[in-house]
Amino acid sequence: ARDSWQHPAAKVRIEAEWAGGRLDPWSDFEAVLLDVLTLAGADGFVGKYTSNLDRMVLELMAARRGVMPPHKSLDAPWCFGGMGRTPHTTKGTFLCHAPLAGTEAAVERAA
């Protein structure tokens, strides 16, 4: 089944599903890209900054506008993906940098 990888007991590698023809990597990539571009067109963003996909969406939003859009993290302040550790999360410690002083306050005021 297409969603067999979602079951924790299955432990099927996505590469094996692609090789077996049970998943189509190009249609999967196209779907993710469409999601990213659609989200980047929004007026604001709520997401998880420990997620590469969510950070990519926010970066595209900012690049298109030339300014950071209103945004809110559900788990950590801005995360640079492994540049250090931040204790500022509700879910524990993640490999991220804490934002520059005053950044979150400015975002809160803008939102």
Foldseek 3Di string as FASTA:
>chain_A
DLCQCVDPVSPDDVVVCCVVVVDPVVVVVVVLVVVLVVLLPDQEEEEAQLDPSRVSSQVSVCVVVVHRGQYYYQFAAHFPHQPAWDQRGPVGIDRGDHDDPPPVVVSVVRD
